[in-house]
Protein backbone atom coordinates (compact mmCIF):
# COMPACT_ATOMS: atom_id res chain seq x y z
CA MET A 1 125.03 -14.97 42.02
CA ILE A 2 122.04 -17.33 42.96
CA GLU A 3 120.73 -17.35 46.48
CA GLN A 4 120.69 -20.82 48.00
CA HIS A 5 117.80 -21.61 50.35
CA SER A 6 118.29 -23.85 53.31
CA PRO A 7 115.08 -25.87 53.73
CA GLN A 8 113.49 -25.61 57.21
CA SER A 9 113.33 -28.93 58.92
CA LEU A 10 110.05 -30.58 59.28
CA SER A 11 108.66 -30.41 62.88
CA PRO A 12 107.38 -33.12 64.94
CA SER A 13 104.35 -30.90 65.35
CA PHE A 14 103.89 -30.02 61.61
CA PHE A 15 100.48 -31.82 61.97
CA PRO A 16 99.42 -30.53 65.45
CA ASP A 17 95.96 -32.26 65.18
CA PRO A 18 96.37 -34.88 62.56
CA ASP A 19 92.47 -35.82 62.69
CA CYS A 20 91.38 -32.21 62.07
CA GLY A 21 89.64 -32.37 65.34
CA ALA A 22 87.55 -35.29 64.07
CA GLY A 23 88.82 -37.85 66.57
CA SER A 24 89.44 -41.09 64.89
CA ALA A 25 87.17 -40.28 61.78
CA GLN A 26 90.23 -39.61 59.81
CA PRO A 27 88.47 -37.37 57.50
CA LEU A 28 90.82 -37.85 54.46
CA ARG A 29 90.24 -41.52 54.45
CA VAL A 30 86.76 -42.73 53.39
CA GLY A 31 86.31 -46.36 53.41
CA GLY A 32 88.42 -49.12 51.99
CA LYS A 33 89.06 -49.95 48.24
CA TRP A 34 85.61 -50.87 47.59
CA THR A 35 83.43 -48.33 49.41
CA ALA A 36 83.19 -46.09 46.27
CA MET A 37 81.85 -48.84 44.25
CA VAL A 38 79.18 -49.75 47.01
CA LEU A 39 78.21 -46.21 47.19
CA ARG A 40 77.49 -46.37 43.29
CA CYS A 41 75.39 -49.51 43.60
CA LEU A 42 73.31 -47.97 46.33
CA GLU A 43 73.22 -44.32 45.19
CA ASP A 44 69.51 -44.83 43.44
CA GLY A 45 68.08 -45.27 46.94
CA THR A 46 66.91 -48.70 46.38
CA PRO A 47 67.62 -50.93 49.41
CA ARG A 48 69.86 -53.94 48.17
CA ARG A 49 70.41 -57.28 49.05
CA PHE A 50 74.04 -58.98 49.56
CA SER A 51 73.21 -60.98 46.42
CA GLU A 52 72.11 -58.07 44.43
CA LEU A 53 75.45 -56.18 45.29
CA ARG A 54 77.36 -59.42 44.11
CA VAL A 55 76.22 -58.91 40.62
CA PRO A 56 78.07 -55.77 39.77
CA LEU A 57 80.75 -56.55 42.21
CA HIS A 58 81.44 -59.96 41.10
CA TRP A 59 85.17 -59.67 41.28
CA ILE A 60 84.96 -58.85 44.92
CA THR A 61 85.07 -61.97 47.20
CA PRO A 62 81.94 -62.53 49.43
CA LYS A 63 84.43 -62.20 52.60
CA VAL A 64 85.68 -58.83 51.34
CA LEU A 65 82.19 -57.38 50.45
CA THR A 66 80.95 -58.59 53.86
CA GLU A 67 83.66 -56.61 55.47
CA THR A 68 83.32 -53.72 53.60
CA LEU A 69 79.51 -53.53 54.13
CA ARG A 70 80.20 -53.75 57.94
CA ALA A 71 82.95 -51.06 57.82
CA MET A 72 80.50 -48.86 56.03
CA GLU A 73 77.82 -49.69 58.61
CA ARG A 74 80.19 -48.91 61.30
CA ASP A 75 81.09 -45.76 59.87
CA GLY A 76 77.49 -44.69 59.30
CA PHE A 77 77.49 -44.72 55.56
CA LEU A 78 74.75 -47.44 55.14
CA THR A 79 72.23 -49.11 57.29
CA ARG A 80 71.77 -53.03 57.35
CA THR A 81 67.93 -54.05 57.99
CA VAL A 82 67.22 -57.78 58.93
CA HIS A 83 63.64 -58.35 57.84
CA ASP A 84 61.84 -61.03 60.14
CA GLU A 85 61.28 -63.75 57.46
CA ASN A 86 62.27 -67.20 56.99
CA PRO A 87 64.84 -67.13 55.61
CA PRO A 88 65.82 -63.76 57.01
CA ARG A 89 66.19 -61.02 54.28
CA VAL A 90 68.95 -58.74 54.91
CA GLU A 91 69.17 -55.11 52.98
CA TYR A 92 71.47 -52.56 52.79
CA ALA A 93 70.76 -48.78 52.14
CA LEU A 94 72.72 -45.59 52.23
CA THR A 95 72.21 -43.20 55.07
CA GLY A 96 72.07 -39.45 54.66
CA LEU A 97 75.98 -39.41 55.64
CA GLY A 98 76.35 -42.13 52.87
CA ARG A 99 74.62 -39.96 50.34
CA SER A 100 76.72 -36.81 51.23
CA LEU A 101 79.66 -38.83 49.75
CA LEU A 102 78.35 -38.96 46.41
CA GLY A 103 79.00 -35.27 45.27
CA PRO A 104 82.61 -35.75 46.41
CA LEU A 105 82.89 -39.12 44.65
CA ASP A 106 81.44 -37.28 41.34
CA THR A 107 84.20 -34.84 41.62
CA ALA A 108 86.73 -37.30 42.14
CA CYS A 109 85.54 -39.34 39.20
CA ASP A 110 85.37 -36.28 37.02
CA TRP A 111 89.18 -35.60 38.09
CA ALA A 112 89.91 -39.13 37.33
CA ARG A 113 88.33 -39.11 33.67
CA THR A 114 90.08 -35.78 32.99
CA HIS A 115 93.57 -36.68 33.97
CA ALA A 116 93.46 -40.52 33.27
CA SER A 117 95.89 -40.29 30.58
CA GLN A 118 98.53 -38.17 32.56
CA VAL A 119 98.45 -40.75 35.26
CA THR A 120 98.83 -43.65 32.69
CA GLU A 121 101.63 -41.50 31.15
CA ALA A 122 103.19 -40.96 34.39
CA ARG A 123 103.07 -44.57 35.46
CA SER A 124 104.60 -45.87 32.25
CA ALA A 125 107.56 -43.25 32.65
CA TYR A 126 108.10 -44.47 36.03
CA GLU A 127 108.09 -48.08 35.16
CA ARG A 128 110.62 -47.38 32.39
CA THR A 129 113.19 -45.51 34.56
CA SER A 130 112.62 -47.10 37.91
CA PRO A 131 114.98 -49.89 38.86
CA VAL A 132 113.13 -53.54 39.25
CA THR A 133 113.14 -54.33 42.98
């Protein structure tokens, strides 16, 4: 006879400290949708102007790129330097904290390359079997 397990209910205190003691930093969420791409654009250490970032990120609207850069500055991932010129020149560069994300980003990219076909296959199977909503 196969013994049946009664699953234990999930407790409201399952995550006693959802922020892992990091306050509002939310360590499992790093930036928004475009943060990784901005990190890649700045990884060589060269400060870049907004217009330079727009070249490889041409599909991102200026508004969304501005929001992304502001969020990254707020989170301490990059610095925004305004040079006293006419017109003002603004450059963005990674901070040490931002640079520390490059290693985990490399790992995530390696994982994605290794498992891309499996993810694609899973998505296709899901779309074939899931009801249209």
